[in-house]
């Protein structure tokens, strides 16, 4: 069974990262198993791959992102804010918590593709 949902461009970019870093390191950075990376690379992933492509792009694409709360921030800062639990310590932190849950920069957000 092959996955028609894996674009060749994604497969090529994924393979380039595996060649540079190794399959285990790519998997670690994307918070998945090496088996998942292998299935994505070979087009045998058993489900829709759009989520993994968003996670890959968020993990390996350079440059800033446009945060709906803070404006232009680094990808690292975006990931940090996204990972923080809710805390009503200040209004900006509350706004970030709610915005991150639906933000297009969040690879966990489902989009209509």
N, C-alpha and C. Protein backbone atom coordinates (compact mmCIF):
# COMPACT_ATOMS: atom_id res chain seq x y z
N UNK A 1 0.85 -1.17 0.00
CA UNK A 1 0.00 0.00 0.00
C UNK A 1 0.89 1.24 0.00
N UNK A 2 0.69 2.12 -0.95
CA UNK A 2 1.45 3.36 -0.97
C UNK A 2 0.54 4.51 -0.64
N UNK A 3 1.11 5.58 -0.14
CA UNK A 3 0.36 6.74 0.29
C UNK A 3 0.42 7.81 -0.79
N UNK A 4 -0.71 8.01 -1.47
CA UNK A 4 -0.76 9.01 -2.53
C UNK A 4 -0.71 10.42 -1.96
N UNK A 5 -0.89 10.57 -0.66
CA UNK A 5 -0.93 11.88 -0.04
C UNK A 5 0.45 12.48 0.21
N UNK A 6 1.50 11.69 0.09
CA UNK A 6 2.85 12.20 0.32
C UNK A 6 3.33 12.86 -0.96
N UNK A 7 3.51 14.16 -0.91
CA UNK A 7 3.99 14.85 -2.11
C UNK A 7 5.46 14.52 -2.33
N UNK A 8 5.86 14.52 -3.61
CA UNK A 8 7.26 14.25 -3.93
C UNK A 8 8.17 15.29 -3.30
N UNK A 9 7.73 16.56 -3.27
CA UNK A 9 8.53 17.62 -2.67
C UNK A 9 8.79 17.36 -1.20
N UNK A 10 7.77 16.93 -0.48
CA UNK A 10 7.93 16.62 0.93
C UNK A 10 8.86 15.44 1.10
N UNK A 11 8.67 14.42 0.29
CA UNK A 11 9.51 13.23 0.37
C UNK A 11 10.98 13.58 0.12
N UNK A 12 11.23 14.43 -0.86
CA UNK A 12 12.60 14.84 -1.17
C UNK A 12 13.22 15.64 -0.02
N UNK A 13 12.47 16.59 0.53
CA UNK A 13 12.99 17.39 1.64
C UNK A 13 13.25 16.52 2.86
N UNK A 14 12.34 15.58 3.12
CA UNK A 14 12.52 14.65 4.24
C UNK A 14 13.78 13.81 4.03
N UNK A 15 13.96 13.30 2.82
CA UNK A 15 15.14 12.49 2.52
C UNK A 15 16.41 13.30 2.70
N UNK A 16 16.41 14.57 2.30
CA UNK A 16 17.59 15.42 2.47
C UNK A 16 17.94 15.56 3.95
N UNK A 17 16.95 15.74 4.81
CA UNK A 17 17.22 15.85 6.24
C UNK A 17 17.72 14.53 6.80
N UNK A 18 17.15 13.41 6.35
CA UNK A 18 17.62 12.10 6.80
C UNK A 18 19.07 11.88 6.36
N UNK A 19 19.39 12.26 5.13
CA UNK A 19 20.77 12.12 4.65
C UNK A 19 21.73 12.96 5.49
N UNK A 20 21.28 14.15 5.89
CA UNK A 20 22.15 15.06 6.64
C UNK A 20 22.26 14.69 8.12
N UNK A 21 21.16 14.27 8.73
CA UNK A 21 21.12 14.08 10.18
C UNK A 21 20.94 12.63 10.63
N UNK A 22 20.43 11.80 9.76
CA UNK A 22 20.09 10.43 10.14
C UNK A 22 18.61 10.32 10.49
N UNK A 23 18.05 9.17 10.21
CA UNK A 23 16.62 8.94 10.42
C UNK A 23 16.22 9.10 11.88
N UNK A 24 17.02 8.60 12.80
CA UNK A 24 16.68 8.69 14.22
C UNK A 24 16.66 10.13 14.72
N UNK A 25 17.60 10.94 14.25
CA UNK A 25 17.64 12.35 14.67
C UNK A 25 16.46 13.13 14.10
N UNK A 26 16.11 12.88 12.86
CA UNK A 26 14.94 13.54 12.28
C UNK A 26 13.69 13.15 13.06
N UNK A 27 13.58 11.87 13.38
CA UNK A 27 12.44 11.40 14.16
C UNK A 27 12.40 12.05 15.54
N UNK A 28 13.54 12.16 16.18
CA UNK A 28 13.59 12.78 17.51
C UNK A 28 13.13 14.23 17.44
N UNK A 29 13.63 14.96 16.44
CA UNK A 29 13.26 16.37 16.32
C UNK A 29 11.78 16.57 15.97
N UNK A 30 11.21 15.60 15.26
CA UNK A 30 9.80 15.70 14.90
C UNK A 30 8.89 15.02 15.92
N UNK A 31 9.48 14.48 16.99
CA UNK A 31 8.73 13.80 18.06
C UNK A 31 7.89 12.64 17.53
N UNK A 32 8.55 11.78 16.77
CA UNK A 32 7.88 10.58 16.28
C UNK A 32 8.89 9.45 16.24
N UNK A 33 8.47 8.31 15.76
CA UNK A 33 9.39 7.17 15.70
C UNK A 33 10.15 7.16 14.37
N UNK A 34 11.27 6.45 14.38
CA UNK A 34 12.04 6.27 13.15
C UNK A 34 11.22 5.50 12.12
N UNK A 35 10.34 4.63 12.58
CA UNK A 35 9.48 3.87 11.67
C UNK A 35 8.53 4.81 10.93
N UNK A 36 8.02 5.82 11.61
CA UNK A 36 7.16 6.80 10.96
C UNK A 36 7.92 7.53 9.86
N UNK A 37 9.15 7.94 10.16
CA UNK A 37 9.97 8.63 9.16
C UNK A 37 10.20 7.72 7.97
N UNK A 38 10.51 6.46 8.22
CA UNK A 38 10.73 5.50 7.13
C UNK A 38 9.47 5.37 6.27
N UNK A 39 8.32 5.24 6.90
CA UNK A 39 7.06 5.11 6.14
C UNK A 39 6.77 6.37 5.33
N UNK A 40 7.05 7.53 5.89
CA UNK A 40 6.85 8.78 5.15
C UNK A 40 7.79 8.86 3.96
N UNK A 41 9.05 8.47 4.16
CA UNK A 41 10.05 8.53 3.09
C UNK A 41 9.71 7.59 1.95
N UNK A 42 9.18 6.43 2.26
CA UNK A 42 8.91 5.42 1.24
C UNK A 42 7.49 5.50 0.69
N UNK A 43 6.68 6.44 1.20
CA UNK A 43 5.31 6.59 0.71
C UNK A 43 4.37 5.53 1.22
N UNK A 44 4.72 4.89 2.34
CA UNK A 44 3.90 3.81 2.89
C UNK A 44 3.19 4.19 4.18
N UNK A 45 3.16 5.49 4.50
CA UNK A 45 2.48 5.91 5.72
C UNK A 45 0.98 5.61 5.56
N UNK A 46 0.35 4.94 6.54
CA UNK A 46 -1.01 4.44 6.37
C UNK A 46 -2.13 5.48 6.53
N UNK A 47 -1.80 6.73 6.68
CA UNK A 47 -2.82 7.76 6.90
C UNK A 47 -2.42 9.03 6.16
N UNK A 48 -3.24 10.05 6.27
CA UNK A 48 -2.94 11.33 5.65
C UNK A 48 -1.66 11.91 6.25
N UNK A 49 -0.81 12.46 5.41
CA UNK A 49 0.50 12.93 5.87
C UNK A 49 0.58 14.44 6.02
N UNK A 50 -0.51 15.17 5.80
CA UNK A 50 -0.46 16.63 5.87
C UNK A 50 0.04 17.11 7.23
N UNK A 51 -0.38 16.46 8.28
CA UNK A 51 0.07 16.84 9.63
C UNK A 51 1.58 16.70 9.75
N UNK A 52 2.13 15.60 9.23
CA UNK A 52 3.58 15.39 9.33
C UNK A 52 4.34 16.39 8.48
N UNK A 53 3.78 16.79 7.35
CA UNK A 53 4.44 17.79 6.53
C UNK A 53 4.47 19.13 7.27
N UNK A 54 3.39 19.49 7.96
CA UNK A 54 3.38 20.73 8.75
C UNK A 54 4.40 20.66 9.88
N UNK A 55 4.49 19.52 10.56
CA UNK A 55 5.47 19.36 11.64
C UNK A 55 6.89 19.45 11.07
N UNK A 56 7.13 18.82 9.94
CA UNK A 56 8.44 18.88 9.31
C UNK A 56 8.80 20.33 8.99
N UNK A 57 7.88 21.05 8.36
CA UNK A 57 8.15 22.44 7.99
C UNK A 57 8.42 23.30 9.22
N UNK A 58 7.65 23.10 10.27
CA UNK A 58 7.86 23.88 11.50
C UNK A 58 9.19 23.53 12.16
N UNK A 59 9.64 22.30 11.99
CA UNK A 59 10.87 21.84 12.62
C UNK A 59 12.12 22.26 11.85
N UNK A 60 12.06 22.19 10.53
CA UNK A 60 13.27 22.35 9.73
C UNK A 60 13.33 23.60 8.86
N UNK A 61 12.28 24.39 8.82
CA UNK A 61 12.31 25.59 8.01
C UNK A 61 12.90 26.73 8.82
N UNK A 62 13.81 27.46 8.22
CA UNK A 62 14.47 28.58 8.88
C UNK A 62 13.60 29.83 8.79
N UNK A 63 13.93 30.81 9.60
CA UNK A 63 13.29 32.11 9.50
C UNK A 63 12.19 32.32 10.52
N UNK A 64 11.77 33.56 10.63
CA UNK A 64 10.76 33.92 11.62
C UNK A 64 9.35 33.53 11.18
N UNK A 65 8.43 33.57 12.13
CA UNK A 65 7.01 33.37 11.85
C UNK A 65 6.26 34.62 12.31
N UNK A 66 5.07 34.80 11.79
CA UNK A 66 4.23 35.93 12.17
C UNK A 66 3.26 35.47 13.24
N UNK A 67 3.53 35.84 14.49
CA UNK A 67 2.68 35.47 15.62
C UNK A 67 1.49 36.43 15.68
N UNK A 68 0.27 35.90 15.82
CA UNK A 68 -0.89 36.78 15.88
C UNK A 68 -0.93 37.65 17.15
N UNK A 69 -0.14 37.31 18.15
CA UNK A 69 -0.12 38.08 19.39
C UNK A 69 1.11 38.97 19.47
N UNK A 70 2.28 38.42 19.14
CA UNK A 70 3.55 39.13 19.35
C UNK A 70 4.15 39.73 18.08
N UNK A 71 3.60 39.43 16.93
CA UNK A 71 4.20 39.89 15.68
C UNK A 71 5.26 38.91 15.22
N UNK A 72 6.33 39.39 14.58
CA UNK A 72 7.37 38.52 14.06
C UNK A 72 8.25 38.01 15.19
N UNK A 73 8.33 36.67 15.30
CA UNK A 73 9.17 36.03 16.32
C UNK A 73 9.90 34.86 15.68
N UNK A 74 10.93 34.36 16.35
CA UNK A 74 11.67 33.21 15.84
C UNK A 74 10.83 31.94 15.98
N UNK A 75 11.17 30.92 15.18
CA UNK A 75 10.46 29.64 15.29
C UNK A 75 10.66 29.01 16.66
N UNK A 76 11.86 29.23 17.24
CA UNK A 76 12.13 28.69 18.57
C UNK A 76 11.21 29.34 19.61
N UNK A 77 11.04 30.66 19.52
CA UNK A 77 10.15 31.36 20.46
C UNK A 77 8.71 30.89 20.26
N UNK A 78 8.33 30.69 19.01
CA UNK A 78 6.98 30.19 18.71
C UNK A 78 6.77 28.83 19.38
N UNK A 79 7.72 27.93 19.21
CA UNK A 79 7.62 26.59 19.82
C UNK A 79 7.58 26.68 21.34
N UNK A 80 8.36 27.58 21.91
CA UNK A 80 8.38 27.75 23.36
C UNK A 80 7.00 28.20 23.86
N UNK A 81 6.46 29.23 23.26
CA UNK A 81 5.13 29.72 23.68
C UNK A 81 4.07 28.65 23.49
N UNK A 82 4.15 27.92 22.39
CA UNK A 82 3.18 26.87 22.09
C UNK A 82 3.22 25.76 23.12
N UNK A 83 4.38 25.49 23.69
CA UNK A 83 4.53 24.37 24.63
C UNK A 83 4.18 24.72 26.07
N UNK A 84 4.01 25.99 26.35
CA UNK A 84 3.76 26.40 27.74
C UNK A 84 2.33 26.09 28.16
N UNK A 85 2.14 25.64 29.38
CA UNK A 85 0.79 25.38 29.88
C UNK A 85 0.07 26.69 30.19
N UNK A 86 -1.24 26.60 30.35
CA UNK A 86 -2.01 27.80 30.69
C UNK A 86 -1.58 28.32 32.05
N UNK A 87 -1.41 29.63 32.12
CA UNK A 87 -1.14 30.32 33.39
C UNK A 87 -1.64 31.75 33.24
N UNK A 88 -2.49 32.15 34.13
CA UNK A 88 -3.07 33.49 34.07
C UNK A 88 -2.16 34.49 34.77
N UNK A 89 -0.88 34.45 34.46
CA UNK A 89 0.09 35.33 35.13
C UNK A 89 0.10 36.73 34.55
N UNK A 90 -0.26 36.84 33.25
CA UNK A 90 -0.42 38.17 32.65
C UNK A 90 -1.28 38.04 31.41
N UNK A 91 -1.87 39.15 30.94
CA UNK A 91 -2.79 39.07 29.80
C UNK A 91 -2.15 38.57 28.51
N UNK A 92 -0.90 38.88 28.28
CA UNK A 92 -0.23 38.41 27.06
C UNK A 92 -0.10 36.89 27.08
N UNK A 93 0.26 36.35 28.21
CA UNK A 93 0.41 34.89 28.31
C UNK A 93 -0.93 34.19 28.08
N UNK A 94 -2.01 34.77 28.58
CA UNK A 94 -3.34 34.20 28.36
C UNK A 94 -3.69 34.26 26.87
N UNK A 95 -3.43 35.40 26.23
CA UNK A 95 -3.72 35.55 24.80
C UNK A 95 -2.89 34.57 23.98
N UNK A 96 -1.61 34.39 24.33
CA UNK A 96 -0.76 33.44 23.63
C UNK A 96 -1.29 32.02 23.75
N UNK A 97 -1.69 31.65 24.96
CA UNK A 97 -2.19 30.29 25.17
C UNK A 97 -3.37 30.00 24.24
N UNK A 98 -4.30 30.91 24.18
CA UNK A 98 -5.49 30.70 23.34
C UNK A 98 -5.17 30.81 21.85
N UNK A 99 -4.31 31.76 21.47
CA UNK A 99 -3.96 31.93 20.06
C UNK A 99 -3.17 30.73 19.53
N UNK A 100 -2.25 30.20 20.34
CA UNK A 100 -1.41 29.09 19.89
C UNK A 100 -2.23 27.84 19.55
N UNK A 101 -3.35 27.67 20.21
CA UNK A 101 -4.18 26.48 20.00
C UNK A 101 -4.79 26.44 18.60
N UNK A 102 -4.96 27.61 17.97
CA UNK A 102 -5.60 27.66 16.65
C UNK A 102 -4.71 28.32 15.60
N UNK A 103 -3.48 28.61 15.95
CA UNK A 103 -2.57 29.34 15.07
C UNK A 103 -2.12 28.49 13.88
N UNK A 104 -2.07 29.08 12.68
CA UNK A 104 -1.58 28.33 11.52
C UNK A 104 -0.10 27.97 11.61
N UNK A 105 0.64 28.61 12.51
CA UNK A 105 2.06 28.26 12.71
C UNK A 105 2.22 27.01 13.58
N UNK A 106 1.16 26.56 14.21
CA UNK A 106 1.19 25.39 15.07
C UNK A 106 1.01 24.14 14.20
N UNK A 107 1.99 23.26 14.13
CA UNK A 107 1.87 22.09 13.27
C UNK A 107 0.79 21.12 13.71
N UNK A 108 0.30 21.25 14.93
CA UNK A 108 -0.75 20.36 15.42
C UNK A 108 -2.13 20.81 15.00
N UNK A 109 -2.27 22.03 14.49
CA UNK A 109 -3.57 22.55 14.08
C UNK A 109 -3.95 21.93 12.75
N UNK A 110 -5.14 21.39 12.68
CA UNK A 110 -5.64 20.80 11.44
C UNK A 110 -6.10 21.92 10.52
N UNK A 111 -5.69 21.85 9.26
CA UNK A 111 -6.15 22.83 8.27
C UNK A 111 -6.97 22.11 7.23
N UNK A 112 -7.75 22.85 6.51
CA UNK A 112 -8.59 22.27 5.45
C UNK A 112 -7.78 22.22 4.15
N UNK A 113 -7.06 21.13 3.96
CA UNK A 113 -6.22 20.97 2.77
C UNK A 113 -6.84 19.98 1.84
